Amino acid sequence: MEYKIITPVAIEPVSLAEAKLFTRSNDDAYKDYIATTQSILPGAYTSTQTGASVEVLGYTAIATLSAGTCSGTITAKIQESDDGATWNDYDSFTVSTGNSTEELAYGGTKQYIRIYAAVTGTCSFSANVVVNSGDSTEDTLLSALITTAREYCENFTRRALATQTVEAYLPTFPACDRFELPFSPLQSVTSVKYKNSAGVETTMTEGTDYLVDDESNVGGIILPYGYTWPSFTEYPLNAVKVRYTAGYNSLNPLPKAIKQAMCLLIGYWYDNRSAVLTGSISKEMEFTVKALLNMYRAKWF
């Protein structure tokens, strides 16, 4: 079965901050690398404000709220998230007088934080997240190593390690009542189409013409009971086309062993940048990475 990636990974399963932490590229020598991000822009507010998210994993972070004139109160919270979508409260503080600044350190382990401020009355304020972001001179290298490590692990495990859109192609429908799709885990199917010899494409209906198996170790397309695949004269090239979304996500998190394998590769390539590596360390690294990945190697046909 042929396939191609339609929409590539937008958020890597290992963040830049995690890679820096693992490679120890941010040590005490970079203590002066401070970055301030506005989570809530300055303004006069009369209602609840939800600030922009900031990536903080692996860094030291402090949330600050600077209040000007205030006729009520501001109850501010640090909220934290692993994926930038699902948020939980971390800690809070209340500002009841104007012309003051409050600070709250973040000591959690989530990838993102933001500031949430509930306002009574009218209050002028802004909120920032101050991060010791470390040296950024090798961010491009580390970002490339992250992507390369993911692609290596995806190729070995035959799994999608982060959400991406994939399109699979078959020359015709199979003789059996199901076919598996490359790159598990399967999240959802966008469309199943087939094209006849005249080039006319027909879109099938999920639930009527086919069922989606997104629960098996390797997801796929299944015929409903009593149904058969369409009978038609196939287009000579890729007559059957399936577009779907695959990859681990917040509801089905990436296994820690795969993430650890990625981190090991990133750290090893970061420390050893020559094109050809020999010796026992390289062999030990290969053994360790493959031992971690073998547990999750998928089989699809």
C-alpha atoms as a PDB file:
ATOM      1  CA  MET A   1       0.000   0.000   0.000  1.00  0.00           C
ATOM      2  CA  GLU A   2       1.335   3.409  -0.983  1.00  0.00           C
ATOM      3  CA  TYR A   3       0.806   6.489   1.162  1.00  0.00           C
ATOM      4  CA  LYS A   4       1.941  10.066   1.572  1.00  0.00           C
ATOM      5  CA  ILE A   5       1.757  12.735   4.259  1.00  0.00           C
ATOM      6  CA  ILE A   6      -0.747  15.441   3.343  1.00  0.00           C
ATOM      7  CA  THR A   7      -0.481  17.669   6.419  1.00  0.00           C
ATOM      8  CA  PRO A   8       2.789  17.298   8.349  1.00  0.00           C
ATOM      9  CA  VAL A   9       3.254  17.385  12.098  1.00  0.00           C
ATOM     10  CA  ALA A  10       2.573  20.837  13.565  1.00  0.00           C
ATOM     11  CA  ILE A  11       3.677  20.155  17.164  1.00  0.00           C
ATOM     12  CA  GLU A  12       6.568  17.749  17.693  1.00  0.00           C
ATOM     13  CA  PRO A  13       6.167  15.149  20.461  1.00  0.00           C
ATOM     14  CA  VAL A  14       9.418  16.384  22.019  1.00  0.00           C
ATOM     15  CA  SER A  15       9.458  20.148  22.494  1.00  0.00           C
ATOM     16  CA  LEU A  16      12.482  22.366  22.025  1.00  0.00           C
ATOM     17  CA  ALA A  17      12.472  23.047  25.762  1.00  0.00           C
ATOM     18  CA  GLU A  18      12.529  19.308  26.515  1.00  0.00           C
ATOM     19  CA  ALA A  19      15.382  18.786  24.065  1.00  0.00           C
ATOM     20  CA  LYS A  20      17.383  21.559  25.726  1.00  0.00           C
ATOM     21  CA  LEU A  21      16.718  20.032  29.115  1.00  0.00           C
ATOM     22  CA  PHE A  22      17.771  16.571  27.950  1.00  0.00           C
ATOM     23  CA  THR A  23      20.931  17.759  26.188  1.00  0.00           C
ATOM     24  CA  ARG A  24      21.734  20.163  29.056  1.00  0.00           C
ATOM     25  CA  SER A  25      22.302  22.931  26.521  1.00  0.00           C
ATOM     26  CA  ASN A  26      20.921  25.407  29.099  1.00  0.00           C
ATOM     27  CA  ASP A  27      23.274  25.271  32.050  1.00  0.00           C
ATOM     28  CA  ASP A  28      24.378  27.938  34.495  1.00  0.00           C
ATOM     29  CA  ALA A  29      26.462  29.627  31.788  1.00  0.00           C
ATOM     30  CA  TYR A  30      23.214  30.892  30.233  1.00  0.00           C
ATOM     31  CA  LYS A  31      21.534  32.229  33.376  1.00  0.00           C
ATOM     32  CA  ASP A  32      21.208  35.706  31.882  1.00  0.00           C
ATOM     33  CA  TYR A  33      18.965  34.622  28.988  1.00  0.00           C
ATOM     34  CA  ILE A  34      15.672  36.049  30.161  1.00  0.00           C
ATOM     35  CA  ALA A  35      12.589  36.357  27.937  1.00  0.00           C
ATOM     36  CA  THR A  36       9.348  38.155  28.822  1.00  0.00           C
ATOM     37  CA  THR A  37       6.106  37.306  27.007  1.00  0.00           C
ATOM     38  CA  GLN A  38       2.891  39.257  27.392  1.00  0.00           C
ATOM     39  CA  SER A  39       0.138  36.821  28.279  1.00  0.00           C
ATOM     40  CA  ILE A  40      -2.505  39.534  28.763  1.00  0.00           C
ATOM     41  CA  LEU A  41      -1.964  42.828  26.950  1.00  0.00           C
ATOM     42  CA  PRO A  42      -2.243  46.105  28.907  1.00  0.00           C
ATOM     43  CA  GLY A  43      -5.793  47.447  29.052  1.00  0.00           C
ATOM     44  CA  ALA A  44      -8.765  48.459  31.160  1.00  0.00           C
ATOM     45  CA  TYR A  45     -10.838  45.322  31.695  1.00  0.00           C
ATOM     46  CA  THR A  46     -14.291  44.668  33.131  1.00  0.00           C
ATOM     47  CA  SER A  47     -14.520  40.937  32.393  1.00  0.00           C
ATOM     48  CA  THR A  48     -12.500  37.733  32.592  1.00  0.00           C
ATOM     49  CA  GLN A  49      -9.341  37.617  30.479  1.00  0.00           C
ATOM     50  CA  THR A  50      -7.598  34.455  29.248  1.00  0.00           C
ATOM     51  CA  GLY A  51      -3.986  35.087  28.344  1.00  0.00           C
ATOM     52  CA  ALA A  52      -1.852  33.647  25.570  1.00  0.00           C
ATOM     53  CA  SER A  53       0.012  30.429  26.310  1.00  0.00           C
ATOM     54  CA  VAL A  54       3.784  30.322  26.805  1.00  0.00           C
ATOM     55  CA  GLU A  55       6.050  27.279  26.521  1.00  0.00           C
ATOM     56  CA  VAL A  56       7.925  26.790  29.783  1.00  0.00           C
ATOM     57  CA  LEU A  57       8.892  23.123  30.098  1.00  0.00           C
ATOM     58  CA  GLY A  58      12.509  22.858  31.167  1.00  0.00           C
ATOM     59  CA  TYR A  59      12.711  26.537  32.060  1.00  0.00           C
ATOM     60  CA  THR A  60      12.310  28.655  35.178  1.00  0.00           C
ATOM     61  CA  ALA A  61       9.165  30.764  34.865  1.00  0.00           C
ATOM     62  CA  ILE A  62       7.466  33.522  36.851  1.00  0.00           C
ATOM     63  CA  ALA A  63       4.018  35.012  36.229  1.00  0.00           C
ATOM     64  CA  THR A  64       3.675  38.731  36.949  1.00  0.00           C
ATOM     65  CA  LEU A  65       0.566  40.913  37.068  1.00  0.00           C
ATOM     66  CA  SER A  66       0.925  44.690  37.058  1.00  0.00           C
ATOM     67  CA  ALA A  67      -2.214  46.576  38.047  1.00  0.00           C
ATOM     68  CA  GLY A  68      -2.933  50.263  37.581  1.00  0.00           C
ATOM     69  CA  THR A  69      -6.216  51.889  38.527  1.00  0.00           C
ATOM     70  CA  CYS A  70      -8.667  49.290  39.881  1.00  0.00           C
ATOM     71  CA  SER A  71     -12.171  49.794  41.263  1.00  0.00           C
ATOM     72  CA  GLY A  72     -12.650  46.111  42.096  1.00  0.00           C
ATOM     73  CA  THR A  73     -10.490  43.015  42.339  1.00  0.00           C
ATOM     74  CA  ILE A  74      -8.426  40.817  40.033  1.00  0.00           C
ATOM     75  CA  THR A  75      -8.198  37.124  40.830  1.00  0.00           C
ATOM     76  CA  ALA A  76      -5.405  35.760  38.686  1.00  0.00           C
ATOM     77  CA  LYS A  77      -4.435  32.130  38.132  1.00  0.00           C
ATOM     78  CA  ILE A  78      -1.582  30.322  36.505  1.00  0.00           C
ATOM     79  CA  GLN A  79      -3.086  27.597  34.356  1.00  0.00           C
ATOM     80  CA  GLU A  80      -0.995  24.732  32.978  1.00  0.00           C
ATOM     81  CA  SER A  81      -1.322  22.323  30.058  1.00  0.00           C
ATOM     82  CA  ASP A  82       0.508  19.465  28.371  1.00  0.00           C
ATOM     83  CA  ASP A  83      -0.925  20.102  24.914  1.00  0.00           C
ATOM     84  CA  GLY A  84      -2.109  23.720  24.837  1.00  0.00           C
ATOM     85  CA  ALA A  85      -5.734  22.557  24.630  1.00  0.00           C
ATOM     86  CA  THR A  86      -6.696  21.166  28.069  1.00  0.00           C
ATOM     87  CA  TRP A  87      -5.957  23.499  30.977  1.00  0.00           C
ATOM     88  CA  ASN A  88      -5.897  23.070  34.755  1.00  0.00           C
ATOM     89  CA  ASP A  89      -5.350  25.587  37.547  1.00  0.00           C
ATOM     90  CA  TYR A  90      -1.876  25.595  39.105  1.00  0.00           C
ATOM     91  CA  ASP A  91      -1.962  28.437  41.649  1.00  0.00           C
ATOM     92  CA  SER A  92      -3.640  31.820  42.118  1.00  0.00           C
ATOM     93  CA  PHE A  93      -3.345  35.230  43.749  1.00  0.00           C
ATOM     94  CA  THR A  94      -5.681  38.205  44.228  1.00  0.00           C
ATOM     95  CA  VAL A  95      -5.034  41.895  43.579  1.00  0.00           C
ATOM     96  CA  SER A  96      -7.477  44.137  45.449  1.00  0.00           C
ATOM     97  CA  THR A  97      -5.656  47.457  45.212  1.00  0.00           C
ATOM     98  CA  GLY A  98      -4.383  49.346  42.208  1.00  0.00           C
ATOM     99  CA  ASN A  99      -0.850  50.427  41.359  1.00  0.00           C
ATOM    100  CA  SER A 100       0.730  47.158  42.478  1.00  0.00           C
ATOM    101  CA  THR A 101       2.644  44.231  41.032  1.00  0.00           C
ATOM    102  CA  GLU A 102       2.250  40.612  42.062  1.00  0.00           C
ATOM    103  CA  GLU A 103       4.536  37.718  41.161  1.00  0.00           C
ATOM    104  CA  LEU A 104       4.002  33.977  41.294  1.00  0.00           C
ATOM    105  CA  ALA A 105       6.646  31.380  40.423  1.00  0.00           C
ATOM    106  CA  TYR A 106       5.728  28.334  38.378  1.00  0.00           C
ATOM    107  CA  GLY A 107       7.245  25.093  39.601  1.00  0.00           C
ATOM    108  CA  GLY A 108       5.143  22.590  37.677  1.00  0.00           C
ATOM    109  CA  THR A 109       6.090  20.131  34.974  1.00  0.00           C
ATOM    110  CA  LYS A 110       3.693  21.012  32.140  1.00  0.00           C
ATOM    111  CA  GLN A 111       4.745  22.251  28.723  1.00  0.00           C
ATOM    112  CA  TYR A 112       2.611  25.407  28.638  1.00  0.00           C
ATOM    113  CA  ILE A 113       1.267  27.967  31.088  1.00  0.00           C
ATOM    114  CA  ARG A 114      -1.019  30.967  30.713  1.00  0.00           C
ATOM    115  CA  ILE A 115      -2.530  33.592  32.979  1.00  0.00           C
ATOM    116  CA  TYR A 116      -6.285  33.647  33.616  1.00  0.00           C
ATOM    117  CA  ALA A 117      -7.691  36.754  35.308  1.00  0.00           C
ATOM    118  CA  ALA A 118     -11.227  37.129  36.675  1.00  0.00           C
ATOM    119  CA  VAL A 119     -12.146  40.810  37.077  1.00  0.00           C
ATOM    120  CA  THR A 120     -14.783  42.594  39.154  1.00  0.00           C
ATOM    121  CA  GLY A 121     -15.323  46.295  38.598  1.00  0.00           C
ATOM    122  CA  THR A 122     -12.967  48.020  36.171  1.00  0.00           C
ATOM    123  CA  CYS A 123      -9.245  47.329  36.440  1.00  0.00           C
ATOM    124  CA  SER A 124      -6.299  48.364  34.298  1.00  0.00           C
ATOM    125  CA  PHE A 125      -3.613  45.695  34.233  1.00  0.00           C
ATOM    126  CA  SER A 126      -1.329  43.502  32.179  1.00  0.00           C
ATOM    127  CA  ALA A 127       0.148  40.055  32.807  1.00  0.00           C
ATOM    128  CA  ASN A 128       3.484  38.659  31.710  1.00  0.00           C
ATOM    129  CA  VAL A 129       5.323  35.351  31.856  1.00  0.00           C
ATOM    130  CA  VAL A 130       9.038  35.754  32.501  1.00  0.00           C
ATOM    131  CA  VAL A 131      11.103  32.777  31.391  1.00  0.00           C
ATOM    132  CA  ASN A 132      14.778  31.945  31.718  1.00  0.00           C
ATOM    133  CA  SER A 133      14.843  30.735  28.144  1.00  0.00           C
ATOM    134  CA  GLY A 134      18.520  29.890  27.866  1.00  0.00           C
ATOM    135  CA  ASP A 135      20.757  30.194  24.840  1.00  0.00           C
ATOM    136  CA  SER A 136      18.988  30.091  21.476  1.00  0.00           C
ATOM    137  CA  THR A 137      22.043  29.854  19.225  1.00  0.00           C
ATOM    138  CA  GLU A 138      21.501  26.125  18.593  1.00  0.00           C
ATOM    139  CA  ASP A 139      17.710  26.120  18.445  1.00  0.00           C
ATOM    140  CA  THR A 140      17.766  25.458  14.689  1.00  0.00           C
ATOM    141  CA  LEU A 141      20.044  22.445  15.155  1.00  0.00           C
ATOM    142  CA  LEU A 142      17.971  21.054  18.010  1.00  0.00           C
ATOM    143  CA  SER A 143      14.711  21.556  16.092  1.00  0.00           C
ATOM    144  CA  ALA A 144      16.170  19.631  13.151  1.00  0.00           C
ATOM    145  CA  LEU A 145      17.330  16.838  15.462  1.00  0.00           C
ATOM    146  CA  ILE A 146      13.853  16.615  17.021  1.00  0.00           C
ATOM    147  CA  THR A 147      12.212  16.174  13.619  1.00  0.00           C
ATOM    148  CA  THR A 148      14.874  13.713  12.470  1.00  0.00           C
ATOM    149  CA  ALA A 149      14.478  11.643  15.639  1.00  0.00           C
ATOM    150  CA  ARG A 150      10.705  11.542  15.207  1.00  0.00           C
ATOM    151  CA  GLU A 151      11.001  10.473  11.570  1.00  0.00           C
ATOM    152  CA  TYR A 152      13.506   7.754  12.520  1.00  0.00           C
ATOM    153  CA  CYS A 153      11.199   6.419  15.243  1.00  0.00           C
ATOM    154  CA  GLU A 154       8.163   6.624  12.955  1.00  0.00           C
ATOM    155  CA  ASN A 155       9.958   4.689  10.242  1.00  0.00           C
ATOM    156  CA  PHE A 156      11.059   2.016  12.713  1.00  0.00           C
ATOM    157  CA  THR A 157       7.771   1.630  14.600  1.00  0.00           C
ATOM    158  CA  ARG A 158       5.584   2.289  11.554  1.00  0.00           C
ATOM    159  CA  ARG A 159       3.508   4.579  13.734  1.00  0.00           C
ATOM    160  CA  ALA A 160       2.573   8.271  13.581  1.00  0.00           C
ATOM    161  CA  LEU A 161       4.068   9.805  16.699  1.00  0.00           C
ATOM    162  CA  ALA A 162       2.087  13.057  16.410  1.00  0.00           C
ATOM    163  CA  THR A 163      -1.079  14.170  14.672  1.00  0.00           C
ATOM    164  CA  GLN A 164      -0.803  14.338  10.879  1.00  0.00           C
ATOM    165  CA  THR A 165      -3.020  13.869   7.835  1.00  0.00           C
ATOM    166  CA  VAL A 166      -2.206  10.862   5.679  1.00  0.00           C
ATOM    167  CA  GLU A 167      -3.515   9.604   2.347  1.00  0.00           C
ATOM    168  CA  ALA A 168      -3.257   5.895   1.491  1.00  0.00           C
ATOM    169  CA  TYR A 169      -3.676   4.388  -1.970  1.00  0.00           C
ATOM    170  CA  LEU A 170      -4.734   0.932  -3.145  1.00  0.00           C
ATOM    171  CA  PRO A 171      -4.953  -0.390  -6.724  1.00  0.00           C
ATOM    172  CA  THR A 172      -8.376  -1.881  -5.899  1.00  0.00           C
ATOM    173  CA  PHE A 173     -10.455  -3.058  -2.938  1.00  0.00           C
ATOM    174  CA  PRO A 174      -9.164  -6.203  -1.206  1.00  0.00           C
ATOM    175  CA  ALA A 175     -10.695  -9.663  -1.472  1.00  0.00           C
ATOM    176  CA  CYS A 176     -11.358  -9.706   2.300  1.00  0.00           C
ATOM    177  CA  ASP A 177     -13.772  -7.516   4.261  1.00  0.00           C
ATOM    178  CA  ARG A 178     -11.189  -5.089   5.697  1.00  0.00           C
ATOM    179  CA  PHE A 179      -7.900  -3.385   4.992  1.00  0.00           C
ATOM    180  CA  GLU A 180      -5.468  -1.761   7.394  1.00  0.00           C
ATOM    181  CA  LEU A 181      -4.116   1.763   7.121  1.00  0.00           C
ATOM    182  CA  PRO A 182      -0.457   2.750   7.499  1.00  0.00           C
ATOM    183  CA  PHE A 183       0.674   4.802  10.468  1.00  0.00           C
ATOM    184  CA  SER A 184      -1.343   3.913  13.533  1.00  0.00           C
ATOM    185  CA  PRO A 185      -2.869   5.019  15.784  1.00  0.00           C
ATOM    186  CA  LEU A 186      -5.823   5.960  13.621  1.00  0.00           C
ATOM    187  CA  GLN A 187      -7.764   8.969  14.910  1.00  0.00           C
ATOM    188  CA  SER A 188     -10.428   9.430  12.226  1.00  0.00           C
ATOM    189  CA  VAL A 189     -11.164   8.930   8.532  1.00  0.00           C
ATOM    190  CA  THR A 190     -11.932  11.958   6.384  1.00  0.00           C
ATOM    191  CA  SER A 191     -12.941  10.162   3.196  1.00  0.00           C
ATOM    192  CA  VAL A 192     -12.835   6.901   1.245  1.00  0.00           C
ATOM    193  CA  LYS A 193     -13.014   7.346  -2.532  1.00  0.00           C
ATOM    194  CA  TYR A 194     -12.675   5.118  -5.583  1.00  0.00           C
ATOM    195  CA  LYS A 195     -12.121   6.060  -9.218  1.00  0.00           C
ATOM    196  CA  ASN A 196     -13.298   4.113 -12.256  1.00  0.00           C
ATOM    197  CA  SER A 197     -11.528   3.699 -15.573  1.00  0.00           C
ATOM    198  CA  ALA A 198     -13.193   6.838 -16.938  1.00  0.00           C
ATOM    199  CA  GLY A 199     -11.685   8.919 -14.127  1.00  0.00           C
ATOM    200  CA  VAL A 200     -14.981   9.421 -12.282  1.00  0.00           C
ATOM    201  CA  GLU A 201     -14.428   9.502  -8.528  1.00  0.00           C
ATOM    202  CA  THR A 202     -17.068   8.307  -6.059  1.00  0.00           C
ATOM    203  CA  THR A 203     -17.055   9.162  -2.341  1.00  0.00           C
ATOM    204  CA  MET A 204     -18.290   6.414  -0.032  1.00  0.00           C
ATOM    205  CA  THR A 205     -20.412   7.072   3.072  1.00  0.00           C
ATOM    206  CA  GLU A 206     -19.096   6.125   6.497  1.00  0.00           C
ATOM    207  CA  GLY A 207     -21.501   3.987   8.478  1.00  0.00           C
ATOM    208  CA  THR A 208     -23.297   2.832   5.341  1.00  0.00           C
ATOM    209  CA  ASP A 209     -20.618   1.800   2.852  1.00  0.00           C
ATOM    210  CA  TYR A 210     -17.833   1.195   5.363  1.00  0.00           C
ATOM    211  CA  LEU A 211     -16.952   1.252   9.065  1.00  0.00           C
ATOM    212  CA  VAL A 212     -13.866   2.745  10.696  1.00  0.00           C
ATOM    213  CA  ASP A 213     -11.818   0.634  13.094  1.00  0.00           C
ATOM    214  CA  ASP A 214      -9.994   3.174  15.248  1.00  0.00           C
ATOM    215  CA  GLU A 215      -9.696   0.888  18.279  1.00  0.00           C
ATOM    216  CA  SER A 216      -7.404  -1.895  17.042  1.00  0.00           C
ATOM    217  CA  ASN A 217      -3.640  -1.692  17.366  1.00  0.00           C
ATOM    218  CA  VAL A 218      -3.564  -1.003  13.623  1.00  0.00           C
ATOM    219  CA  GLY A 219      -6.658   0.856  12.443  1.00  0.00           C
ATOM    220  CA  GLY A 220      -8.447   0.265   9.182  1.00  0.00           C
ATOM    221  CA  ILE A 221     -11.563   0.207   7.026  1.00  0.00           C
ATOM    222  CA  ILE A 222     -14.149  -2.582   7.435  1.00  0.00           C
ATOM    223  CA  LEU A 223     -17.228  -3.595   5.479  1.00  0.00           C
ATOM    224  CA  PRO A 224     -20.545  -3.518   7.348  1.00  0.00           C
ATOM    225  CA  TYR A 225     -22.140  -6.924   7.855  1.00  0.00           C
ATOM    226  CA  GLY A 226     -23.715  -8.228   4.650  1.00  0.00           C
ATOM    227  CA  TYR A 227     -22.090  -5.628   2.390  1.00  0.00           C
ATOM    228  CA  THR A 228     -19.501  -5.997  -0.389  1.00  0.00           C
ATOM    229  CA  TRP A 229     -16.998  -3.601  -1.869  1.00  0.00           C
ATOM    230  CA  PRO A 230     -18.165  -1.654  -4.949  1.00  0.00           C
ATOM    231  CA  SER A 231     -17.822  -3.448  -8.277  1.00  0.00           C
ATOM    232  CA  PHE A 232     -16.202  -1.230 -10.906  1.00  0.00           C
ATOM    233  CA  THR A 233     -13.466  -1.126 -13.545  1.00  0.00           C
ATOM    234  CA  GLU A 234     -10.498   0.400 -11.758  1.00  0.00           C
ATOM    235  CA  TYR A 235      -8.592   3.456 -12.808  1.00  0.00           C
ATOM    236  CA  PRO A 236      -5.087   2.257 -13.737  1.00  0.00           C
ATOM    237  CA  LEU A 237      -3.373   4.168 -10.923  1.00  0.00           C
ATOM    238  CA  ASN A 238      -4.341   4.292  -7.235  1.00  0.00           C
ATOM    239  CA  ALA A 239      -8.027   3.601  -7.822  1.00  0.00           C
ATOM    240  CA  VAL A 240      -8.878   3.602  -4.093  1.00  0.00           C
ATOM    241  CA  LYS A 241      -7.900   6.562  -1.937  1.00  0.00           C
ATOM    242  CA  VAL A 242      -8.343   6.973   1.828  1.00  0.00           C
ATOM    243  CA  ARG A 243      -7.603  10.245   3.625  1.00  0.00           C
ATOM    244  CA  TYR A 244      -7.375  10.112   7.416  1.00  0.00           C
ATOM    245  CA  THR A 245      -5.859  11.598  10.536  1.00  0.00           C
ATOM    246  CA  ALA A 246      -3.332   9.529  12.457  1.00  0.00           C
ATOM    247  CA  GLY A 247      -1.031   9.974  15.409  1.00  0.00           C
ATOM    248  CA  TYR A 248      -0.851  10.066  19.176  1.00  0.00           C
ATOM    249  CA  ASN A 249      -2.605  12.991  20.877  1.00  0.00           C
ATOM    250  CA  SER A 250      -3.775  14.154  24.296  1.00  0.00           C
ATOM    251  CA  LEU A 251      -6.462  11.449  24.406  1.00  0.00           C
ATOM    252  CA  ASN A 252      -3.970   8.744  23.403  1.00  0.00           C
ATOM    253  CA  PRO A 253      -0.571   9.997  24.609  1.00  0.00           C
ATOM    254  CA  LEU A 254       2.730   8.967  23.063  1.00  0.00           C
ATOM    255  CA  PRO A 255       4.216   6.026  25.022  1.00  0.00           C
ATOM    256  CA  LYS A 256       7.060   7.111  27.276  1.00  0.00           C
ATOM    257  CA  ALA A 257       9.392   4.486  25.812  1.00  0.00           C
ATOM    258  CA  ILE A 258       9.070   6.016  22.334  1.00  0.00           C
ATOM    259  CA  LYS A 259       9.619   9.511  23.692  1.00  0.00           C
ATOM    260  CA  GLN A 260      12.667   8.309  25.588  1.00  0.00           C
ATOM    261  CA  ALA A 261      14.040   6.777  22.384  1.00  0.00           C
ATOM    262  CA  MET A 262      13.607  10.121  20.662  1.00  0.00           C
ATOM    263  CA  CYS A 263      15.409  11.927  23.486  1.00  0.00           C
ATOM    264  CA  LEU A 264      18.286   9.445  23.381  1.00  0.00           C
ATOM    265  CA  LEU A 265      18.719   9.996  19.646  1.00  0.00           C
ATOM    266  CA  ILE A 266      18.527  13.776  20.002  1.00  0.00           C
ATOM    267  CA  GLY A 267      21.104  13.767  22.812  1.00  0.00           C
ATOM    268  CA  TYR A 268      23.438  11.407  20.977  1.00  0.00           C
ATOM    269  CA  TRP A 269      23.336  13.304  17.689  1.00  0.00           C
ATOM    270  CA  TYR A 270      23.760  16.586  19.560  1.00  0.00           C
ATOM    271  CA  ASP A 271      26.948  15.330  21.222  1.00  0.00           C
ATOM    272  CA  ASN A 272      28.260  13.499  18.136  1.00  0.00           C
ATOM    273  CA  ARG A 273      27.895  15.656  15.040  1.00  0.00           C
ATOM    274  CA  SER A 274      30.222  13.896  12.602  1.00  0.00           C
ATOM    275  CA  ALA A 275      28.739  12.109   9.616  1.00  0.00           C
ATOM    276  CA  VAL A 276      30.181   8.665  10.448  1.00  0.00           C
ATOM    277  CA  LEU A 277      30.212   7.256  13.981  1.00  0.00           C
ATOM    278  CA  THR A 278      31.975   4.075  15.022  1.00  0.00           C
ATOM    279  CA  GLY A 279      32.655   2.288  18.269  1.00  0.00           C
ATOM    280  CA  SER A 280      30.827   0.602  21.100  1.00  0.00           C
ATOM    281  CA  ILE A 281      28.897   3.705  22.152  1.00  0.00           C
ATOM    282  CA  SER A 282      27.176   3.900  18.793  1.00  0.00           C
ATOM    283  CA  LYS A 283      26.290   0.200  18.935  1.00  0.00           C
ATOM    284  CA  GLU A 284      25.016   0.481  22.492  1.00  0.00           C
ATOM    285  CA  MET A 285      22.885   3.470  21.513  1.00  0.00           C
ATOM    286  CA  GLU A 286      21.408   1.589  18.569  1.00  0.00           C
ATOM    287  CA  PHE A 287      20.607  -1.403  20.774  1.00  0.00           C
ATOM    288  CA  THR A 288      18.968   0.766  23.459  1.00  0.00           C
ATOM    289  CA  VAL A 289      16.855   2.787  21.035  1.00  0.00           C
ATOM    290  CA  LYS A 290      15.652  -0.264  19.132  1.00  0.00           C
ATOM    291  CA  ALA A 291      14.900  -2.116  22.372  1.00  0.00           C
ATOM    292  CA  LEU A 292      12.623   0.753  23.405  1.00  0.00           C
ATOM    293  CA  LEU A 293      10.955   1.012  19.985  1.00  0.00           C
ATOM    294  CA  ASN A 294      10.492  -2.713  19.386  1.00  0.00           C
ATOM    295  CA  MET A 295       7.763  -2.816  22.032  1.00  0.00           C
ATOM    296  CA  TYR A 296       5.570  -0.627  19.840  1.00  0.00           C
ATOM    297  CA  ARG A 297       6.484  -1.732  16.334  1.00  0.00           C
ATOM    298  CA  ALA A 298       3.283  -2.021  14.316  1.00  0.00           C
ATOM    299  CA  LYS A 299       2.536  -4.468  11.506  1.00  0.00           C
ATOM    300  CA  TRP A 300       0.283  -3.419   8.665  1.00  0.00           C
ATOM    301  CA  PHE A 301      -0.060  -4.711   5.155  1.00  0.00           C
END
